[in-house]
Amino acid sequence: MSRLIIYRRPVLQDPVLIVGFTGWMDGGSVSTGTVMYLRDKLQAEILAQIEPYDFYIFNLPGSMEEVAQFRPYTLIRDGVVREFRYPQNHFFCADEKNVVLFFGKEPNIRWREYVDDVFLLLKEFGVRRMVFVGSVSGLTPHTREPRVYCSVSDETLKEQLLPHGVRFSNYEGPASITTLMTVTARARGVEMVNIVVEIPMYVQATNPKGIRAALRVLLPFTGLSLPLDDLDALCDEFERNIDKLVADRPELADQIRKLEENYDQEILGDEESFREWLRRHGIDKL
């Protein structure tokens, strides 16, 4: 039985779905932060939800610290239980922009049924293209633009991504729900791209530079045009704040300088990355 509930049915023209998940691949809140940024920027309104009851395990053996991440959320104030909330899986829609956004939590169980519900919504609204945004921690220093890795459902999509300086992933190991979504997309004739931003492993805070890096690939790929001035200001502030913290830790500062040297050498040695660097700095026409 489907757990998809649709609240309204706007008429959309060739819409795109943009996906973000909490948890794995949401370091620096890049996955959820990108979707929430677009929701606020586009003034997207609630469209649908996937009810959570069949997809999560709430009671596991182990210490409180270990199992806390699996439990529903509650809020108690002055002895009164104010709120009890299951994991959220909500779709939002910016009707005039033909953009559907999905903000969810990766399910613990019944992945196939969960993905079927996502694709049921795609079918209902005629979505033929979808994008997941995520992040991983790596060796990118906070003073440089994050590296962006992509994987696709179809080889033909790679040509559309190449001009944006992305790298194509090589990976073998544990899969995420988005991997299943990608192979399902291919089987059902839907285009899917996964945009994964590499963020500094030594920074735990929300990373606006990661969100901006994802958007710089996502926006042209989906045909959206949005000013990112507000995000640029957040990125500058983020870098300044990290610089202040690093200044008091000379050993970390030394390691970051090494990361910067390796990053710069790598960019200069890769033609497409260097072209993208020139474009970003406004000197690609010399």
C-alpha atoms as a PDB file:
ATOM      1  CA  MET A   1       0.000   0.000   0.000  1.00  0.00           C
ATOM      2  CA  SER A   2       1.316   3.413  -0.941  1.00  0.00           C
ATOM      3  CA  ARG A   3       2.150   5.843   1.849  1.00  0.00           C
ATOM      4  CA  LEU A   4       2.133   8.844  -0.505  1.00  0.00           C
ATOM      5  CA  ILE A   5      -0.369  11.589   0.342  1.00  0.00           C
ATOM      6  CA  ILE A   6      -0.864  14.356  -2.246  1.00  0.00           C
ATOM      7  CA  TYR A   7      -2.352  17.581  -0.869  1.00  0.00           C
ATOM      8  CA  ARG A   8      -2.818  19.585  -4.059  1.00  0.00           C
ATOM      9  CA  ARG A   9      -2.413  19.139  -7.809  1.00  0.00           C
ATOM     10  CA  PRO A  10      -0.900  22.142  -9.595  1.00  0.00           C
ATOM     11  CA  VAL A  11      -0.532  21.920 -13.358  1.00  0.00           C
ATOM     12  CA  LEU A  12       3.209  21.767 -14.056  1.00  0.00           C
ATOM     13  CA  GLN A  13       5.155  21.975 -17.308  1.00  0.00           C
ATOM     14  CA  ASP A  14       8.128  19.593 -17.551  1.00  0.00           C
ATOM     15  CA  PRO A  15       8.936  19.858 -13.825  1.00  0.00           C
ATOM     16  CA  VAL A  16      12.192  18.831 -12.160  1.00  0.00           C
ATOM     17  CA  LEU A  17      12.562  17.156  -8.754  1.00  0.00           C
ATOM     18  CA  ILE A  18      15.403  18.168  -6.406  1.00  0.00           C
ATOM     19  CA  VAL A  19      16.101  15.798  -3.510  1.00  0.00           C
ATOM     20  CA  GLY A  20      17.824  16.209  -0.146  1.00  0.00           C
ATOM     21  CA  PHE A  21      18.162  13.723   2.718  1.00  0.00           C
ATOM     22  CA  THR A  22      19.179  14.115   6.335  1.00  0.00           C
ATOM     23  CA  GLY A  23      21.817  11.816   7.803  1.00  0.00           C
ATOM     24  CA  TRP A  24      24.312  10.091   5.537  1.00  0.00           C
ATOM     25  CA  MET A  25      25.707  12.402   2.835  1.00  0.00           C
ATOM     26  CA  ASP A  26      24.410  15.514   4.602  1.00  0.00           C
ATOM     27  CA  GLY A  27      27.696  16.703   6.089  1.00  0.00           C
ATOM     28  CA  GLY A  28      27.706  20.461   6.589  1.00  0.00           C
ATOM     29  CA  SER A  29      23.925  20.307   5.997  1.00  0.00           C
ATOM     30  CA  VAL A  30      24.656  20.578   2.273  1.00  0.00           C
ATOM     31  CA  SER A  31      21.923  18.158   1.200  1.00  0.00           C
ATOM     32  CA  THR A  32      19.121  19.502   3.380  1.00  0.00           C
ATOM     33  CA  GLY A  33      20.494  23.040   3.306  1.00  0.00           C
ATOM     34  CA  THR A  34      20.345  23.201  -0.491  1.00  0.00           C
ATOM     35  CA  VAL A  35      16.733  22.034  -0.580  1.00  0.00           C
ATOM     36  CA  MET A  36      15.698  24.403   2.217  1.00  0.00           C
ATOM     37  CA  TYR A  37      17.500  27.305   0.535  1.00  0.00           C
ATOM     38  CA  LEU A  38      15.577  26.644  -2.673  1.00  0.00           C
ATOM     39  CA  ARG A  39      12.315  26.213  -0.779  1.00  0.00           C
ATOM     40  CA  ASP A  40      12.694  29.627   0.827  1.00  0.00           C
ATOM     41  CA  LYS A  41      14.091  31.324  -2.274  1.00  0.00           C
ATOM     42  CA  LEU A  42      11.358  29.979  -4.561  1.00  0.00           C
ATOM     43  CA  GLN A  43       8.634  30.276  -1.903  1.00  0.00           C
ATOM     44  CA  ALA A  44       7.691  26.663  -2.525  1.00  0.00           C
ATOM     45  CA  GLU A  45       4.570  25.374  -0.797  1.00  0.00           C
ATOM     46  CA  ILE A  46       3.749  21.948   0.581  1.00  0.00           C
ATOM     47  CA  LEU A  47       2.695  19.501  -2.119  1.00  0.00           C
ATOM     48  CA  ALA A  48       2.728  15.999  -0.651  1.00  0.00           C
ATOM     49  CA  GLN A  49       4.315  13.714   1.902  1.00  0.00           C
ATOM     50  CA  ILE A  50       5.329  10.098   2.364  1.00  0.00           C
ATOM     51  CA  GLU A  51       3.964   8.863   5.680  1.00  0.00           C
ATOM     52  CA  PRO A  52       6.856   7.485   7.754  1.00  0.00           C
ATOM     53  CA  TYR A  53       5.249   4.612   9.667  1.00  0.00           C
ATOM     54  CA  ASP A  54       6.430   1.700   7.482  1.00  0.00           C
ATOM     55  CA  PHE A  55       9.966   2.874   6.794  1.00  0.00           C
ATOM     56  CA  TYR A  56      11.798   3.411  10.088  1.00  0.00           C
ATOM     57  CA  ILE A  57      12.990   1.367  13.045  1.00  0.00           C
ATOM     58  CA  PHE A  58      12.456   3.282  16.272  1.00  0.00           C
ATOM     59  CA  ASN A  59      13.435   0.720  18.904  1.00  0.00           C
ATOM     60  CA  LEU A  60      16.885  -0.864  18.770  1.00  0.00           C
ATOM     61  CA  PRO A  61      19.065  -2.444  21.479  1.00  0.00           C
ATOM     62  CA  GLY A  62      22.025  -0.369  22.612  1.00  0.00           C
ATOM     63  CA  SER A  63      23.005   2.655  24.644  1.00  0.00           C
ATOM     64  CA  MET A  64      20.941   5.838  24.612  1.00  0.00           C
ATOM     65  CA  GLU A  65      23.639   7.593  22.577  1.00  0.00           C
ATOM     66  CA  GLU A  66      23.635   4.844  19.943  1.00  0.00           C
ATOM     67  CA  VAL A  67      19.892   4.564  19.457  1.00  0.00           C
ATOM     68  CA  ALA A  68      18.953   8.244  19.849  1.00  0.00           C
ATOM     69  CA  GLN A  69      19.343   8.899  16.116  1.00  0.00           C
ATOM     70  CA  PHE A  70      16.601   6.350  15.362  1.00  0.00           C
ATOM     71  CA  ARG A  71      13.975   7.750  17.741  1.00  0.00           C
ATOM     72  CA  PRO A  72      11.192  10.210  16.877  1.00  0.00           C
ATOM     73  CA  TYR A  73      11.595  13.796  18.088  1.00  0.00           C
ATOM     74  CA  THR A  74       9.807  15.271  21.084  1.00  0.00           C
ATOM     75  CA  LEU A  75       9.659  18.705  22.710  1.00  0.00           C
ATOM     76  CA  ILE A  76       8.794  19.125  26.409  1.00  0.00           C
ATOM     77  CA  ARG A  77       8.534  22.540  28.072  1.00  0.00           C
ATOM     78  CA  ASP A  78       7.812  23.101  31.771  1.00  0.00           C
ATOM     79  CA  GLY A  79       6.693  19.510  32.133  1.00  0.00           C
ATOM     80  CA  VAL A  80       4.215  19.678  29.243  1.00  0.00           C
ATOM     81  CA  VAL A  81       4.717  17.531  26.139  1.00  0.00           C
ATOM     82  CA  ARG A  82       4.420  20.116  23.379  1.00  0.00           C
ATOM     83  CA  GLU A  83       5.404  18.107  20.346  1.00  0.00           C
ATOM     84  CA  PHE A  84       5.974  14.572  19.065  1.00  0.00           C
ATOM     85  CA  ARG A  85       7.276  14.229  15.529  1.00  0.00           C
ATOM     86  CA  TYR A  86       8.048  11.271  13.311  1.00  0.00           C
ATOM     87  CA  PRO A  87      10.694  11.557  10.563  1.00  0.00           C
ATOM     88  CA  GLN A  88       9.544  13.983   7.885  1.00  0.00           C
ATOM     89  CA  ASN A  89       9.358  13.215   4.156  1.00  0.00           C
ATOM     90  CA  HIS A  90       7.797  16.256   2.529  1.00  0.00           C
ATOM     91  CA  PHE A  91       7.461  17.421  -1.059  1.00  0.00           C
ATOM     92  CA  PHE A  92       7.236  21.151  -1.802  1.00  0.00           C
ATOM     93  CA  CYS A  93       6.454  22.812  -5.113  1.00  0.00           C
ATOM     94  CA  ALA A  94       7.262  26.185  -6.638  1.00  0.00           C
ATOM     95  CA  ASP A  95       4.423  26.079  -9.144  1.00  0.00           C
ATOM     96  CA  GLU A  96       5.479  28.942 -11.408  1.00  0.00           C
ATOM     97  CA  LYS A  97       9.062  27.632 -11.620  1.00  0.00           C
ATOM     98  CA  ASN A  98       7.975  24.016 -12.228  1.00  0.00           C
ATOM     99  CA  VAL A  99      10.254  22.844  -9.429  1.00  0.00           C
ATOM    100  CA  VAL A 100       9.399  20.098  -6.949  1.00  0.00           C
ATOM    101  CA  LEU A 101      11.569  19.749  -3.836  1.00  0.00           C
ATOM    102  CA  PHE A 102      11.839  16.679  -1.625  1.00  0.00           C
ATOM    103  CA  PHE A 103      13.167  16.851   1.932  1.00  0.00           C
ATOM    104  CA  GLY A 104      13.357  13.475   3.646  1.00  0.00           C
ATOM    105  CA  LYS A 105      15.126  11.048   5.927  1.00  0.00           C
ATOM    106  CA  GLU A 106      16.673   7.958   4.376  1.00  0.00           C
ATOM    107  CA  PRO A 107      14.469   5.002   5.383  1.00  0.00           C
ATOM    108  CA  ASN A 108      15.806   2.163   7.525  1.00  0.00           C
ATOM    109  CA  ILE A 109      13.673  -0.527   5.873  1.00  0.00           C
ATOM    110  CA  ARG A 110      11.473  -1.168   2.815  1.00  0.00           C
ATOM    111  CA  TRP A 111      13.631   0.857   0.460  1.00  0.00           C
ATOM    112  CA  ARG A 112      11.849  -0.536  -2.596  1.00  0.00           C
ATOM    113  CA  GLU A 113       8.421   0.599  -1.391  1.00  0.00           C
ATOM    114  CA  TYR A 114       9.761   4.014  -0.366  1.00  0.00           C
ATOM    115  CA  VAL A 115      11.311   4.571  -3.792  1.00  0.00           C
ATOM    116  CA  ASP A 116       8.100   3.395  -5.451  1.00  0.00           C
ATOM    117  CA  ASP A 117       6.245   6.154  -3.589  1.00  0.00           C
ATOM    118  CA  VAL A 118       8.747   8.759  -4.796  1.00  0.00           C
ATOM    119  CA  PHE A 119       8.304   7.587  -8.376  1.00  0.00           C
ATOM    120  CA  LEU A 120       4.545   7.524  -7.985  1.00  0.00           C
ATOM    121  CA  LEU A 121       4.710  11.266  -7.319  1.00  0.00           C
ATOM    122  CA  LEU A 122       6.976  11.694 -10.352  1.00  0.00           C
ATOM    123  CA  LYS A 123       4.386   9.928 -12.490  1.00  0.00           C
ATOM    124  CA  GLU A 124       1.497  11.984 -11.083  1.00  0.00           C
ATOM    125  CA  PHE A 125       3.188  15.285 -11.998  1.00  0.00           C
ATOM    126  CA  GLY A 126       5.103  14.291 -15.122  1.00  0.00           C
ATOM    127  CA  VAL A 127       8.605  14.666 -13.668  1.00  0.00           C
ATOM    128  CA  ARG A 128      11.235  13.361 -16.111  1.00  0.00           C
ATOM    129  CA  ARG A 129      14.384  14.776 -14.514  1.00  0.00           C
ATOM    130  CA  MET A 130      15.575  14.606 -10.905  1.00  0.00           C
ATOM    131  CA  VAL A 131      18.671  15.707  -8.990  1.00  0.00           C
ATOM    132  CA  PHE A 132      20.014  14.605  -5.622  1.00  0.00           C
ATOM    133  CA  VAL A 133      22.377  16.895  -3.712  1.00  0.00           C
ATOM    134  CA  GLY A 134      24.690  15.510  -1.030  1.00  0.00           C
ATOM    135  CA  SER A 135      28.126  15.876   0.501  1.00  0.00           C
ATOM    136  CA  VAL A 136      31.098  13.901   1.773  1.00  0.00           C
ATOM    137  CA  SER A 137      34.012  15.010   3.926  1.00  0.00           C
ATOM    138  CA  GLY A 138      37.390  15.098   2.231  1.00  0.00           C
ATOM    139  CA  LEU A 139      40.630  16.975   1.613  1.00  0.00           C
ATOM    140  CA  THR A 140      39.171  20.196   0.209  1.00  0.00           C
ATOM    141  CA  PRO A 141      40.363  23.155   2.352  1.00  0.00           C
ATOM    142  CA  HIS A 142      37.764  25.680   3.513  1.00  0.00           C
ATOM    143  CA  THR A 143      39.623  28.435   1.642  1.00  0.00           C
ATOM    144  CA  ARG A 144      38.954  26.859  -1.755  1.00  0.00           C
ATOM    145  CA  GLU A 145      35.876  26.035  -3.789  1.00  0.00           C
ATOM    146  CA  PRO A 146      34.602  22.555  -2.905  1.00  0.00           C
ATOM    147  CA  ARG A 147      35.226  19.779  -5.376  1.00  0.00           C
ATOM    148  CA  VAL A 148      32.006  18.461  -6.910  1.00  0.00           C
ATOM    149  CA  TYR A 149      31.486  14.828  -7.899  1.00  0.00           C
ATOM    150  CA  CYS A 150      28.636  13.496 -10.003  1.00  0.00           C
ATOM    151  CA  SER A 151      27.076  10.186 -10.914  1.00  0.00           C
ATOM    152  CA  VAL A 152      24.291   9.785 -13.443  1.00  0.00           C
ATOM    153  CA  SER A 153      21.575   7.391 -14.507  1.00  0.00           C
ATOM    154  CA  ASP A 154      22.574   7.636 -18.157  1.00  0.00           C
ATOM    155  CA  GLU A 155      25.888   8.234 -19.912  1.00  0.00           C
ATOM    156  CA  THR A 156      24.390  10.966 -22.112  1.00  0.00           C
ATOM    157  CA  LEU A 157      23.892  13.254 -19.095  1.00  0.00           C
ATOM    158  CA  LYS A 158      27.624  13.604 -18.494  1.00  0.00           C
ATOM    159  CA  GLU A 159      28.087  15.992 -21.414  1.00  0.00           C
ATOM    160  CA  GLN A 160      25.678  18.485 -19.812  1.00  0.00           C
ATOM    161  CA  LEU A 161      27.683  18.452 -16.572  1.00  0.00           C
ATOM    162  CA  LEU A 162      31.223  18.677 -17.950  1.00  0.00           C
ATOM    163  CA  PRO A 163      31.220  22.481 -18.482  1.00  0.00           C
ATOM    164  CA  HIS A 164      30.758  22.992 -14.741  1.00  0.00           C
ATOM    165  CA  GLY A 165      34.058  21.480 -13.664  1.00  0.00           C
ATOM    166  CA  VAL A 166      32.589  18.371 -12.035  1.00  0.00           C
ATOM    167  CA  ARG A 167      34.365  15.057 -11.619  1.00  0.00           C
ATOM    168  CA  PHE A 168      32.638  11.751 -12.210  1.00  0.00           C
ATOM    169  CA  SER A 169      32.625   9.417  -9.243  1.00  0.00           C
ATOM    170  CA  ASN A 170      34.495   6.145  -8.933  1.00  0.00           C
ATOM    171  CA  TYR A 171      33.216   4.292  -5.896  1.00  0.00           C
ATOM    172  CA  GLU A 172      32.595   0.791  -4.608  1.00  0.00           C
ATOM    173  CA  GLY A 173      31.038   0.160  -1.205  1.00  0.00           C
ATOM    174  CA  PRO A 174      27.857   0.649   0.841  1.00  0.00           C
ATOM    175  CA  ALA A 175      25.002   2.191  -1.141  1.00  0.00           C
ATOM    176  CA  SER A 176      22.498   4.867  -0.193  1.00  0.00           C
ATOM    177  CA  ILE A 177      18.821   5.187  -1.035  1.00  0.00           C
ATOM    178  CA  THR A 178      19.794   7.585  -3.830  1.00  0.00           C
ATOM    179  CA  THR A 179      21.705   4.787  -5.570  1.00  0.00           C
ATOM    180  CA  LEU A 180      18.514   2.745  -5.692  1.00  0.00           C
ATOM    181  CA  MET A 181      16.653   5.816  -6.923  1.00  0.00           C
ATOM    182  CA  THR A 182      19.221   6.233  -9.697  1.00  0.00           C
ATOM    183  CA  VAL A 183      18.942   2.684 -11.051  1.00  0.00           C
ATOM    184  CA  THR A 184      15.151   2.911 -10.733  1.00  0.00           C
ATOM    185  CA  ALA A 185      15.206   6.150 -12.712  1.00  0.00           C
ATOM    186  CA  ARG A 186      17.132   4.476 -15.510  1.00  0.00           C
ATOM    187  CA  ALA A 187      14.663   1.571 -15.594  1.00  0.00           C
ATOM    188  CA  ARG A 188      11.685   3.934 -15.728  1.00  0.00           C
ATOM    189  CA  GLY A 189      12.982   6.406 -18.288  1.00  0.00           C
ATOM    190  CA  VAL A 190      13.712   9.246 -15.852  1.00  0.00           C
ATOM    191  CA  GLU A 191      16.971  11.209 -15.922  1.00  0.00           C
ATOM    192  CA  MET A 192      18.758  11.407 -12.571  1.00  0.00           C
ATOM    193  CA  VAL A 193      21.946  13.157 -11.506  1.00  0.00           C
ATOM    194  CA  ASN A 194      23.648  12.932  -8.118  1.00  0.00           C
ATOM    195  CA  ILE A 195      25.665  16.023  -7.150  1.00  0.00           C
ATOM    196  CA  VAL A 196      28.007  15.320  -4.237  1.00  0.00           C
ATOM    197  CA  VAL A 197      30.123  18.132  -2.795  1.00  0.00           C
ATOM    198  CA  GLU A 198      33.386  17.459  -0.974  1.00  0.00           C
ATOM    199  CA  ILE A 199      33.587  19.531   2.221  1.00  0.00           C
ATOM    200  CA  PRO A 200      36.486  19.967   4.696  1.00  0.00           C
ATOM    201  CA  MET A 201      36.690  17.084   7.131  1.00  0.00           C
ATOM    202  CA  TYR A 202      37.788  19.433   9.917  1.00  0.00           C
ATOM    203  CA  VAL A 203      34.645  21.641   9.805  1.00  0.00           C
ATOM    204  CA  GLN A 204      31.402  20.361  11.351  1.00  0.00           C
ATOM    205  CA  ALA A 205      29.222  23.471  10.990  1.00  0.00           C
ATOM    206  CA  THR A 206      26.701  24.209   8.249  1.00  0.00           C
ATOM    207  CA  ASN A 207      28.745  24.824   5.118  1.00  0.00           C
ATOM    208  CA  PRO A 208      27.311  27.522   2.810  1.00  0.00           C
ATOM    209  CA  LYS A 209      30.231  27.091   0.393  1.00  0.00           C
ATOM    210  CA  GLY A 210      29.123  23.504  -0.123  1.00  0.00           C
ATOM    211  CA  ILE A 211      25.552  24.618  -0.772  1.00  0.00           C
ATOM    212  CA  ARG A 212      26.731  27.242  -3.262  1.00  0.00           C
ATOM    213  CA  ALA A 213      28.976  24.748  -5.044  1.00  0.00           C
ATOM    214  CA  ALA A 214      26.042  22.375  -5.450  1.00  0.00           C
ATOM    215  CA  LEU A 215      23.796  25.150  -6.765  1.00  0.00           C
ATOM    216  CA  ARG A 216      26.387  26.248  -9.318  1.00  0.00           C
ATOM    217  CA  VAL A 217      25.985  22.850 -10.948  1.00  0.00           C
ATOM    218  CA  LEU A 218      22.317  22.259 -10.191  1.00  0.00           C
ATOM    219  CA  LEU A 219      20.908  25.567 -11.433  1.00  0.00           C
ATOM    220  CA  PRO A 220      22.197  25.447 -15.026  1.00  0.00           C
ATOM    221  CA  PHE A 221      21.482  21.721 -15.280  1.00  0.00           C
ATOM    222  CA  THR A 222      17.839  22.266 -14.316  1.00  0.00           C
ATOM    223  CA  GLY A 223      17.425  25.519 -16.237  1.00  0.00           C
ATOM    224  CA  LEU A 224      16.858  27.600 -13.110  1.00  0.00           C
ATOM    225  CA  SER A 225      18.243  31.100 -12.736  1.00  0.00           C
ATOM    226  CA  LEU A 226      18.644  32.510  -9.233  1.00  0.00           C
ATOM    227  CA  PRO A 227      20.849  35.258  -7.785  1.00  0.00           C
ATOM    228  CA  LEU A 228      23.111  33.879  -5.068  1.00  0.00           C
ATOM    229  CA  ASP A 229      24.245  37.189  -3.557  1.00  0.00           C
ATOM    230  CA  ASP A 230      22.875  36.329  -0.129  1.00  0.00           C
ATOM    231  CA  LEU A 231      24.670  32.994  -0.217  1.00  0.00           C
ATOM    232  CA  ASP A 232      27.905  34.691  -1.317  1.00  0.00           C
ATOM    233  CA  ALA A 233      27.788  36.848   1.811  1.00  0.00           C
ATOM    234  CA  LEU A 234      27.266  33.779   4.003  1.00  0.00           C
ATOM    235  CA  CYS A 235      30.213  32.059   2.336  1.00  0.00           C
ATOM    236  CA  ASP A 236      32.505  35.020   3.026  1.00  0.00           C
ATOM    237  CA  GLU A 237      31.423  35.095   6.663  1.00  0.00           C
ATOM    238  CA  PHE A 238      31.871  31.321   6.968  1.00  0.00           C
ATOM    239  CA  GLU A 239      35.439  31.493   5.663  1.00  0.00           C
ATOM    240  CA  ARG A 240      36.325  34.407   7.952  1.00  0.00           C
ATOM    241  CA  ASN A 241      34.975  32.580  10.992  1.00  0.00           C
ATOM    242  CA  ILE A 242      36.954  29.428  10.207  1.00  0.00           C
ATOM    243  CA  ASP A 243      40.077  31.528   9.609  1.00  0.00           C
ATOM    244  CA  LYS A 244      39.727  33.006  13.105  1.00  0.00           C
ATOM    245  CA  LEU A 245      39.440  29.576  14.679  1.00  0.00           C
ATOM    246  CA  VAL A 246      42.375  28.202  12.707  1.00  0.00           C
ATOM    247  CA  ALA A 247      44.581  31.164  13.667  1.00  0.00           C
ATOM    248  CA  ASP A 248      44.686  29.844  17.242  1.00  0.00           C
ATOM    249  CA  ARG A 249      45.719  26.360  16.086  1.00  0.00           C
ATOM    250  CA  PRO A 250      49.089  26.583  14.298  1.00  0.00           C
ATOM    251  CA  GLU A 251      49.323  22.831  13.681  1.00  0.00           C
ATOM    252  CA  LEU A 252      45.939  22.797  11.943  1.00  0.00           C
ATOM    253  CA  ALA A 253      46.887  25.931   9.982  1.00  0.00           C
ATOM    254  CA  ASP A 254      49.994  24.140   8.726  1.00  0.00           C
ATOM    255  CA  GLN A 255      47.946  21.138   7.580  1.00  0.00           C
ATOM    256  CA  ILE A 256      45.472  23.418   5.809  1.00  0.00           C
ATOM    257  CA  ARG A 257      48.326  25.089   3.904  1.00  0.00           C
ATOM    258  CA  LYS A 258      49.358  21.651   2.663  1.00  0.00           C
ATOM    259  CA  LEU A 259      45.795  20.951   1.577  1.00  0.00           C
ATOM    260  CA  GLU A 260      45.764  24.270  -0.292  1.00  0.00           C
ATOM    261  CA  GLU A 261      48.997  23.415  -2.110  1.00  0.00           C
ATOM    262  CA  ASN A 262      47.686  20.008  -3.154  1.00  0.00           C
ATOM    263  CA  TYR A 263      44.353  21.493  -4.233  1.00  0.00           C
ATOM    264  CA  ASP A 264      45.987  24.219  -6.351  1.00  0.00           C
ATOM    265  CA  GLN A 265      48.340  21.781  -8.059  1.00  0.00           C
ATOM    266  CA  GLU A 266      45.444  19.478  -8.866  1.00  0.00           C
ATOM    267  CA  ILE A 267      43.292  22.275 -10.328  1.00  0.00           C
ATOM    268  CA  LEU A 268      46.119  23.515 -12.536  1.00  0.00           C
ATOM    269  CA  GLY A 269      46.772  19.987 -13.751  1.00  0.00           C
ATOM    270  CA  ASP A 270      43.181  19.322 -14.841  1.00  0.00           C
ATOM    271  CA  GLU A 271      42.114  21.189 -17.991  1.00  0.00           C
ATOM    272  CA  GLU A 272      38.355  21.265 -17.384  1.00  0.00           C
ATOM    273  CA  SER A 273      38.773  22.236 -13.717  1.00  0.00           C
ATOM    274  CA  PHE A 274      41.148  25.013 -14.735  1.00  0.00           C
ATOM    275  CA  ARG A 275      38.688  26.310 -17.351  1.00  0.00           C
ATOM    276  CA  GLU A 276      35.983  26.412 -14.690  1.00  0.00           C
ATOM    277  CA  TRP A 277      38.347  28.222 -12.318  1.00  0.00           C
ATOM    278  CA  LEU A 278      39.012  30.843 -15.019  1.00  0.00           C
ATOM    279  CA  ARG A 279      35.276  31.302 -15.628  1.00  0.00           C
ATOM    280  CA  ARG A 280      34.613  31.775 -11.908  1.00  0.00           C
ATOM    281  CA  HIS A 281      37.305  34.449 -11.724  1.00  0.00           C
ATOM    282  CA  GLY A 282      36.072  36.276 -14.825  1.00  0.00           C
ATOM    283  CA  ILE A 283      39.237  35.775 -16.869  1.00  0.00           C
ATOM    284  CA  ASP A 284      38.127  33.078 -19.288  1.00  0.00           C
ATOM    285  CA  LYS A 285      38.083  35.515 -22.238  1.00  0.00           C
ATOM    286  CA  LEU A 286      41.731  36.592 -22.146  1.00  0.00           C
END
